[in-house]
Protein backbone atom coordinates (compact mmCIF):
# COMPACT_ATOMS: atom_id res chain seq x y z
CA MET A 1 47.22 -13.90 -28.12
CA LYS A 2 45.93 -10.37 -27.66
CA LYS A 3 43.35 -9.42 -25.06
CA LEU A 4 40.14 -7.71 -26.10
CA ILE A 5 40.13 -4.13 -24.81
CA ILE A 6 37.01 -2.02 -24.42
CA ILE A 7 37.52 1.29 -26.20
CA LEU A 8 35.00 4.06 -25.58
CA ILE A 9 35.13 6.51 -28.49
CA ILE A 10 33.68 10.03 -28.45
CA ILE A 11 32.33 10.75 -31.91
CA THR A 12 31.90 14.36 -32.95
CA THR A 13 29.46 13.64 -35.79
CA ASN A 14 26.19 11.76 -35.86
CA LEU A 15 27.05 8.33 -37.27
CA PHE A 16 23.55 6.99 -37.41
CA SER A 17 20.92 8.35 -39.79
CA GLN A 18 17.58 9.13 -38.20
CA GLU A 19 15.38 9.59 -41.22
CA TYR A 20 11.92 8.20 -40.58
CA GLU A 21 9.39 6.33 -42.68
CA ILE A 22 5.79 5.23 -42.16
CA ALA A 23 5.60 1.67 -40.84
CA TRP A 24 1.78 1.56 -41.02
CA GLU A 25 -1.27 3.82 -41.10
CA LYS A 26 -4.58 3.00 -39.45
CA ASP A 27 -7.53 4.98 -38.14
CA ILE A 28 -7.11 4.01 -34.48
CA GLY A 29 -8.47 7.23 -33.06
CA GLY A 30 -8.06 8.25 -29.44
CA THR A 31 -6.45 11.31 -27.90
CA TYR A 32 -3.96 9.93 -25.36
CA ALA A 33 -1.63 6.98 -25.88
CA GLN A 34 1.32 5.21 -24.27
CA PHE A 35 3.51 2.28 -25.28
CA SER A 36 3.94 -0.79 -23.11
CA LYS A 37 7.26 -1.24 -21.31
CA ASP A 38 8.71 -3.40 -24.11
CA GLY A 39 7.17 -1.36 -26.93
CA GLU A 40 5.12 -4.32 -28.17
CA PHE A 41 1.73 -2.70 -27.53
CA ILE A 42 0.15 0.75 -27.67
CA TYR A 43 -2.55 1.65 -25.14
CA VAL A 44 -4.96 4.29 -26.42
CA ALA A 45 -7.52 6.26 -24.39
CA GLY A 46 -10.30 7.48 -26.64
CA GLY A 47 -13.80 8.51 -25.61
CA ASN A 48 -14.73 6.43 -22.57
CA THR A 49 -12.47 3.42 -23.03
CA ILE A 50 -8.85 2.23 -23.12
CA SER A 51 -7.92 -0.01 -26.06
CA LYS A 52 -4.82 -2.09 -26.74
CA TYR A 53 -3.11 -2.39 -30.15
CA ARG A 54 -0.02 -4.15 -31.49
CA SER A 55 2.69 -1.66 -32.38
CA SER A 56 4.02 -3.96 -35.12
CA ASP A 57 1.00 -3.49 -37.39
CA GLY A 58 -1.64 -1.46 -35.50
CA SER A 59 -3.98 -4.44 -35.14
CA PHE A 60 -6.60 -4.31 -32.38
CA VAL A 61 -6.04 -6.61 -29.38
CA SER A 62 -8.56 -5.81 -26.64
CA THR A 63 -10.54 -3.22 -24.67
CA PHE A 64 -10.33 -2.59 -20.93
CA ASP A 65 -13.36 -3.46 -18.80
CA ASN A 66 -15.10 -0.55 -17.04
CA ALA A 67 -17.42 -2.77 -15.00
CA GLY A 68 -18.06 -1.45 -11.49
CA LEU A 69 -17.21 2.16 -12.28
CA GLN A 70 -19.57 5.08 -12.62
CA LYS A 71 -20.56 6.09 -16.13
CA ILE A 72 -17.54 7.45 -17.98
CA SER A 73 -17.92 10.54 -20.15
CA GLU A 74 -14.48 11.05 -21.71
CA PHE A 75 -10.86 10.46 -20.72
CA TYR A 76 -8.53 13.45 -20.47
CA SER A 77 -5.25 11.67 -19.70
CA LEU A 78 -3.62 8.23 -19.66
CA CYS A 79 -0.66 6.83 -17.68
CA ILE A 80 0.69 3.27 -17.72
CA SER A 81 2.99 2.45 -14.78
CA LYS A 82 6.68 1.68 -15.26
CA ASN A 83 6.29 -2.12 -15.26
CA ASP A 84 2.87 -2.22 -16.94
CA THR A 85 1.14 -3.04 -13.64
CA TYR A 86 -1.44 -0.24 -13.46
CA ALA A 87 -3.15 2.17 -15.82
CA ILE A 88 -4.81 5.39 -14.71
CA ALA A 89 -7.06 7.63 -16.77
CA ARG A 90 -8.62 10.92 -15.73
CA LEU A 91 -12.19 11.77 -16.62
CA GLY A 92 -13.08 15.15 -18.04
CA ASP A 93 -15.56 16.04 -15.31
CA GLN A 94 -15.49 19.01 -12.95
CA GLU A 95 -15.33 16.79 -9.86
CA GLY A 96 -11.97 15.31 -10.79
CA THR A 97 -12.40 11.54 -11.19
CA LEU A 98 -9.52 9.11 -11.72
CA ASN A 99 -9.97 5.48 -12.84
CA LEU A 100 -7.40 2.82 -11.86
CA TYR A 101 -7.01 -0.40 -13.91
CA ASP A 102 -5.04 -3.63 -13.63
CA VAL A 103 -3.13 -3.78 -16.92
CA LYS A 104 -2.64 -7.56 -16.84
CA THR A 105 -6.33 -8.40 -16.38
CA GLU A 106 -7.51 -5.19 -18.12
CA LYS A 107 -10.17 -4.75 -15.43
CA ALA A 108 -11.14 -1.67 -13.43
CA LEU A 109 -9.98 -1.59 -9.79
CA LYS A 110 -11.27 1.65 -8.27
CA GLN A 111 -12.05 5.33 -8.68
CA TYR A 112 -10.53 8.31 -6.89
CA LYS A 113 -12.32 11.65 -6.47
CA GLY A 114 -11.07 15.22 -6.41
CA ILE A 115 -7.93 14.53 -8.48
CA LYS A 116 -7.15 16.79 -11.44
CA TRP A 117 -3.91 15.34 -12.86
CA SER A 118 -1.91 12.29 -11.81
CA GLU A 119 1.06 10.02 -12.51
CA ILE A 120 1.94 6.58 -11.12
CA MET A 121 5.20 6.64 -9.15
CA PRO A 122 8.04 4.28 -10.25
CA ASP A 123 7.51 2.07 -7.17
CA GLU A 124 3.97 1.38 -8.47
CA LYS A 125 2.69 1.74 -4.90
CA SER A 126 1.69 5.39 -4.96
CA ILE A 127 0.25 8.13 -7.16
CA LEU A 128 1.57 11.67 -7.57
CA CYS A 129 -1.31 14.05 -8.22
CA ILE A 130 -2.82 17.51 -8.06
CA LYS A 131 -5.76 17.40 -5.66
CA ASP A 132 -8.62 19.73 -4.76
CA ILE A 133 -8.71 21.00 -1.16
CA GLY A 134 -11.73 23.28 -1.48
CA GLY A 135 -12.69 26.29 -3.52
CA ASP A 136 -9.96 27.17 -6.00
CA SER A 137 -7.20 25.76 -3.76
CA ARG A 138 -5.00 22.82 -4.79
CA LYS A 139 -2.14 20.81 -3.38
CA ILE A 140 0.42 18.39 -4.79
CA VAL A 141 0.11 15.09 -2.98
CA VAL A 142 1.47 11.54 -3.04
CA ILE A 143 -1.20 8.99 -2.10
CA ASP A 144 -1.01 5.26 -1.45
CA ILE A 145 -2.71 3.36 -4.28
CA ASN A 146 -4.50 0.87 -2.06
CA SER A 147 -5.32 2.75 1.13
CA GLU A 148 -5.65 6.22 -0.50
CA LYS A 149 -3.72 7.56 2.50
CA GLU A 150 -1.75 10.76 1.86
CA LEU A 151 1.96 10.00 2.22
CA LYS A 152 3.18 13.56 1.72
CA SER A 153 1.87 16.81 0.27
CA VAL A 154 2.53 20.49 -0.29
CA ASN A 155 0.07 23.32 -0.84
CA SER A 156 0.44 25.08 -4.18
CA ASP A 157 -0.87 28.16 -5.94
CA ILE A 158 -1.91 25.93 -8.85
CA TRP A 159 -5.61 26.44 -9.48
CA GLN A 160 -5.57 25.03 -12.98
CA GLY A 161 -2.74 22.78 -14.03
CA TYR A 162 -1.09 19.79 -15.64
CA LEU A 163 1.45 17.31 -14.24
CA LYS A 164 4.06 14.89 -15.64
CA LEU A 165 6.65 12.65 -13.96
CA SER A 166 10.14 12.15 -15.41
CA HIS A 167 11.19 8.67 -16.58
CA ASN A 168 13.55 8.17 -13.62
CA GLY A 169 10.95 9.54 -11.20
CA LYS A 170 13.35 12.06 -9.65
CA MET A 171 11.56 15.12 -11.04
CA PHE A 172 8.13 16.13 -12.13
CA ALA A 173 6.81 19.16 -13.97
CA THR A 174 3.61 21.16 -13.70
CA ALA A 175 1.97 23.70 -15.95
CA SER A 176 -0.30 26.03 -14.06
CA ILE A 177 -2.26 29.26 -13.98
CA SER A 178 -1.81 31.41 -10.89
CA GLY A 179 -3.88 34.56 -10.97
CA THR A 180 -3.26 36.09 -14.38
CA LYS A 181 0.14 34.43 -14.87
CA TYR A 182 1.04 31.14 -16.51
CA TYR A 183 3.90 28.99 -15.22
CA PHE A 184 5.91 25.92 -16.11
CA THR A 185 7.63 24.49 -13.02
CA LEU A 186 10.15 21.72 -12.34
CA TRP A 187 9.89 19.98 -8.96
CA ASP A 188 11.96 17.56 -6.87
CA THR A 189 9.85 14.42 -6.33
CA GLU A 190 11.40 13.39 -3.02
CA THR A 191 10.94 16.72 -1.25
CA LEU A 192 8.05 18.20 -3.28
CA THR A 193 10.01 21.44 -3.59
CA GLU A 194 10.42 23.66 -6.64
CA ILE A 195 13.61 23.36 -8.67
CA LYS A 196 12.82 26.14 -11.14
CA ARG A 197 9.73 28.12 -12.14
CA PHE A 198 9.48 29.57 -15.65
CA GLU A 199 6.87 32.16 -16.55
CA LEU A 200 5.17 31.49 -19.90
CA ILE A 201 4.57 34.65 -21.91
CA ASP A 202 2.43 35.64 -24.94
CA ASN A 203 -0.65 33.96 -23.49
CA GLU A 204 -4.12 34.99 -24.58
CA THR A 205 -7.46 34.80 -22.79
CA GLY A 206 -8.48 31.16 -22.54
CA THR A 207 -4.97 29.68 -22.72
CA THR A 208 -4.94 25.98 -21.86
CA PHE A 209 -2.26 23.28 -21.64
CA PHE A 210 -2.06 20.22 -23.90
CA GLN A 211 0.85 18.16 -22.60
CA ILE A 212 4.17 17.95 -20.77
CA LYS A 213 6.80 15.38 -21.77
CA PHE A 214 10.33 14.47 -20.72
CA SER A 215 12.97 13.21 -23.14
CA TRP A 216 14.03 9.58 -22.77
CA ASP A 217 17.24 10.52 -20.94
CA ASP A 218 15.43 13.16 -18.81
CA ASN A 219 17.79 15.87 -20.04
CA PHE A 220 14.99 17.80 -21.76
CA VAL A 221 11.39 18.61 -20.99
CA GLY A 222 8.73 20.44 -22.93
CA ILE A 223 5.24 21.89 -22.65
CA SER A 224 2.60 22.62 -25.27
CA ARG A 225 -0.26 25.12 -24.90
CA SER A 226 -3.03 26.75 -26.90
CA LEU A 227 -3.59 30.46 -27.43
CA PRO A 228 -0.84 30.69 -28.53
CA TYR A 229 -0.29 27.20 -29.99
CA ILE A 230 3.36 26.83 -29.01
CA SER A 231 5.59 24.06 -27.66
CA ASN A 232 8.49 25.21 -25.46
CA ILE A 233 11.52 22.94 -24.88
CA TYR A 234 13.84 23.30 -21.86
CA SER A 235 17.26 21.95 -20.95
CA ILE A 236 17.06 20.40 -17.48
CA PRO A 237 20.82 20.54 -16.68
CA LYS A 238 20.98 24.22 -17.74
CA LEU A 239 17.46 25.16 -16.55
CA ILE A 240 16.87 27.35 -19.60
CA GLU A 241 14.58 27.29 -22.61
CA ILE A 242 16.58 26.01 -25.59
CA THR A 243 14.00 26.28 -28.39
CA ASN A 244 10.31 26.44 -29.23
CA SER A 245 8.10 25.52 -32.14
CA LYS A 246 7.85 29.11 -33.41
CA ASN A 247 11.44 28.80 -34.60
CA TYR A 248 10.54 26.22 -37.27
CA ASP A 249 7.04 26.81 -38.63
CA LYS A 250 4.28 29.43 -38.67
CA TRP A 251 1.54 26.84 -38.19
CA LEU A 252 -0.13 26.07 -34.88
CA CYS A 253 1.90 23.59 -32.79
CA SER A 254 -0.37 21.62 -30.50
CA PHE A 255 1.67 18.49 -29.67
CA PHE A 256 5.29 17.30 -29.57
CA ASP A 257 7.32 14.26 -28.57
CA PHE A 258 10.91 13.04 -28.15
CA SER A 259 12.73 10.20 -29.86
CA GLN A 260 16.25 9.29 -28.69
CA ASN A 261 17.91 12.26 -30.40
CA GLN A 262 15.12 14.30 -31.92
CA ILE A 263 12.16 16.48 -31.04
CA PHE A 264 9.02 16.00 -33.13
CA PHE A 265 6.75 19.04 -33.41
CA HIS A 266 3.18 18.51 -34.64
CA TYR A 267 1.83 21.48 -36.59
CA THR A 268 -1.71 22.10 -37.83
CA ASP A 269 -2.79 24.58 -40.51
CA ILE A 270 -6.48 25.03 -39.69
CA SER A 271 -7.06 27.14 -42.81
CA ILE A 272 -6.50 24.14 -45.12
CA ASP A 273 -6.98 21.31 -42.59
CA THR A 274 -3.56 19.70 -42.97
CA THR A 275 -0.83 18.66 -40.57
CA SER A 276 2.94 18.53 -40.52
CA LEU A 277 5.47 16.63 -38.39
CA VAL A 278 8.88 18.26 -38.14
CA SER A 279 11.84 16.45 -36.54
CA ILE A 280 14.47 18.64 -34.85
CA ASN A 281 17.96 17.35 -34.15
CA ILE A 282 18.66 17.79 -30.42
CA ASN A 283 22.40 18.23 -31.06
CA ASN A 284 22.12 21.34 -33.24
CA MET A 285 18.41 22.27 -33.02
CA LYS A 286 18.09 22.17 -36.82
CA ILE A 287 15.39 20.47 -38.92
CA ASP A 288 16.22 16.87 -39.84
CA GLN A 289 13.03 15.92 -41.65
CA ARG A 290 9.49 17.05 -42.40
CA PHE A 291 6.35 14.97 -42.92
CA HIS A 292 3.04 16.10 -44.37
CA LEU A 293 0.43 13.66 -43.12
CA GLN A 294 -3.29 13.65 -42.41
CA VAL A 295 -2.90 12.40 -38.85
CA LEU A 296 -4.36 12.92 -35.43
CA PRO A 297 -2.22 14.79 -32.87
CA LEU A 298 1.15 13.30 -32.01
CA THR A 299 0.70 11.34 -28.83
CA SER A 300 3.43 8.90 -27.82
CA SER A 301 6.89 7.48 -28.47
CA PHE A 302 8.99 4.46 -27.53
CA ASN A 303 12.73 4.96 -27.94
CA ASN A 304 12.72 5.65 -31.70
CA LEU A 305 9.16 4.65 -32.58
CA ILE A 306 6.78 7.59 -32.98
CA PHE A 307 3.02 7.04 -32.79
CA THR A 308 1.01 9.88 -34.30
CA GLY A 309 -2.51 8.68 -33.57
CA SER A 310 -3.10 7.04 -36.95
CA ALA A 311 0.42 6.18 -38.12
CA LEU A 312 3.57 4.62 -36.72
CA LEU A 313 6.89 6.12 -37.78
CA LYS A 314 10.13 4.15 -37.53
CA PRO A 315 13.78 4.93 -38.38
CA LYS A 316 14.49 4.26 -42.04
CA THR A 317 18.09 3.22 -41.38
CA VAL A 318 20.64 3.16 -38.60
CA GLY A 319 23.64 3.67 -40.88
CA VAL A 320 24.80 0.05 -41.09
CA SER A 321 23.74 -2.83 -43.31
CA GLU A 322 21.63 -5.73 -42.18
CA ASN A 323 24.49 -8.13 -42.95
CA GLU A 324 26.81 -6.22 -40.63
CA GLN A 325 24.25 -6.20 -37.82
CA LYS A 326 23.59 -9.94 -37.93
CA ARG A 327 27.18 -10.96 -37.13
CA LEU A 328 26.95 -9.96 -33.47
CA LEU A 329 24.46 -11.65 -31.16
CA ILE A 330 23.50 -9.70 -28.04
CA SER A 331 21.40 -11.08 -25.20
CA PRO A 332 19.33 -10.25 -23.30
CA ASN A 333 18.00 -7.53 -25.58
CA PRO A 334 16.40 -5.35 -24.19
CA ALA A 335 18.69 -5.53 -21.15
CA SER A 336 18.63 -4.00 -17.68
CA ASP A 337 21.80 -5.14 -15.89
CA TYR A 338 24.18 -6.79 -18.36
CA ILE A 339 24.57 -7.96 -21.95
CA GLU A 340 26.46 -10.87 -23.44
CA ILE A 341 28.08 -10.31 -26.83
CA ASN A 342 28.42 -13.52 -28.82
CA VAL A 343 30.86 -12.99 -31.68
CA GLY A 344 30.45 -15.97 -33.96
CA ALA A 345 33.20 -17.57 -36.00
CA GLY A 346 33.49 -16.20 -39.51
CA SER A 347 33.08 -12.59 -38.46
CA LYS A 348 36.50 -11.30 -39.63
CA PRO A 349 36.77 -7.71 -38.38
CA ALA A 350 38.54 -5.21 -40.61
CA LEU A 351 40.92 -3.79 -37.99
CA GLU A 352 44.32 -5.04 -36.87
CA ASN A 353 43.56 -4.19 -33.25
CA PRO A 354 39.77 -4.19 -32.92
CA GLY A 355 38.19 -3.21 -29.63
CA ILE A 356 34.60 -2.78 -28.46
CA GLU A 357 33.22 0.67 -29.25
CA ILE A 358 29.95 1.81 -27.63
CA TYR A 359 27.86 4.60 -29.16
CA ASN A 360 24.58 6.19 -28.18
CA LEU A 361 22.27 7.63 -30.82
CA PHE A 362 24.05 10.98 -30.59
CA GLY A 363 27.31 9.28 -31.57
CA GLU A 364 28.68 10.20 -28.13
CA LYS A 365 29.97 8.46 -25.03
CA ASN A 366 27.57 8.54 -22.12
CA PRO A 367 29.37 10.34 -19.24
CA THR A 368 28.09 7.74 -16.76
CA LEU A 369 29.18 4.79 -18.90
CA SER A 370 30.66 1.92 -16.86
CA LEU A 371 31.42 -1.18 -18.88
CA PRO A 372 33.98 -3.48 -17.21
CA ILE A 373 34.51 -6.70 -19.12
CA GLY A 374 33.67 -9.89 -17.30
CA GLU A 375 34.91 -13.44 -17.57
CA GLY A 376 34.53 -14.81 -21.07
CA THR A 377 36.02 -16.93 -23.78
CA GLY A 378 36.57 -14.06 -26.20
CA LYS A 379 39.78 -13.68 -28.11
CA ILE A 380 41.14 -11.87 -31.14
CA LEU A 381 43.05 -13.88 -33.69
CA PRO A 382 45.47 -12.39 -36.26
CA THR A 383 44.02 -10.12 -38.93
CA GLY A 384 41.92 -11.96 -41.48
CA GLU A 385 41.15 -14.88 -39.20
CA ASP A 386 37.95 -15.55 -37.30
CA LEU A 387 36.88 -13.56 -34.27
CA GLY A 388 35.07 -15.73 -31.77
CA GLY A 389 33.92 -15.62 -28.18
CA VAL A 390 31.34 -14.48 -25.64
CA PHE A 391 31.84 -11.36 -23.52
CA LYS A 392 29.70 -10.20 -20.60
CA ILE A 393 29.39 -6.44 -20.11
CA ASP A 394 27.80 -4.50 -17.25
CA VAL A 395 25.26 -1.96 -18.57
CA SER A 396 23.45 -1.21 -15.31
CA ASN A 397 24.75 2.39 -15.24
CA LEU A 398 23.51 3.21 -18.73
CA ALA A 399 20.48 5.47 -19.08
CA PRO A 400 17.47 3.82 -20.78
CA GLY A 401 17.71 4.06 -24.55
CA VAL A 402 19.16 2.61 -27.73
CA TYR A 403 22.92 1.96 -28.09
CA PHE A 404 25.23 0.54 -30.74
CA ILE A 405 28.19 -1.79 -30.27
CA LYS A 406 30.94 -1.94 -32.89
CA ILE A 407 33.73 -4.52 -33.11
CA GLY A 408 35.91 -3.96 -36.13
CA ASP A 409 33.42 -3.29 -38.93
CA ILE A 410 30.61 -5.22 -37.22
CA PHE A 411 27.65 -3.35 -35.72
CA GLU A 412 24.75 -4.35 -33.52
CA LYS A 413 22.05 -2.47 -31.63
CA PHE A 414 20.72 -3.11 -28.13
CA VAL A 415 18.13 -1.45 -25.91
CA LYS A 416 18.79 -0.56 -22.28
CA MET A 417 15.55 -0.64 -20.27
């Protein structure tokens, strides 16, 4: 009897197709959106309310209750906390008003004043924000959600800005205007110190910022701005700009987003009132696909689902057949700490010495991969006979994202949360 050996293969080509198709189209509206933790729902801030929709078909579920809050004019941002505990939305007033909601009950909890931009910290106990301190002065501050006590802060030359926290919470980024110069800055969350400041060039009078977003693995970050309408993408490990939207289209680029291995640029041609979504392969920075859709600005993503404001895009194929995928059972899926692979009888792999091969969506081995095999009943029988057994694998060191497991010619996908 042979033992099952885990084999981690580095693939030099992209095994899995990432062409996209429209799953559904609906006039949802709204300007800011975010998926729930499990991707089942989409929260949309539009006008003076937050609404909840099913990502499977775009059907309306509910609207958050604003009872007890001052009159709301219009939301200018939306953030759902890591475990779907809180939602915060910033109002578009000069005073700087932030509304806090309980996501489970969908009811308003409180309002904060003097806050320009904010993000909920991963511990869901505090808020990272840009706060007024008088006149045109600002500071970056972490405040306790319940007591509103300042836990730590640093004065900044930001007098107009934008803020976004990375997925792992270790970094955040700001876009700001200081005097006549425009900056994009990476910060260390723990110490509130600058990691790198990039000066944005080619700005015109009246330049404003639209969004900042981190890739799902926090290896990339980007910023979009108006006048000029450009999205700039940076490599975090290298601390350099790696591309921008001007490289791919002459239209105005107002929004962008990341899937697991692509950048989606949203272009608008105001002369003929049409839009275009262009997907860029992160591996080679070349165009993978182009969509021409009448959609609202690109707003949110969940792993490989892309929500455009009125349409949901999903991968057309992952490069393996449905029959191949169904012969491996993985649970729990999504997973956080471990997965169990149940290889049912009748699965007949097409290799004489099959092992477990783990791929990410780039077709590469994750450098932090740690997958020791645990106790199980798994075994490999001679070629042509059944493969059966259950194997427990530690995935706690994997970055959040989508992965593929291959045993012989059998594929299956799982999501690491």
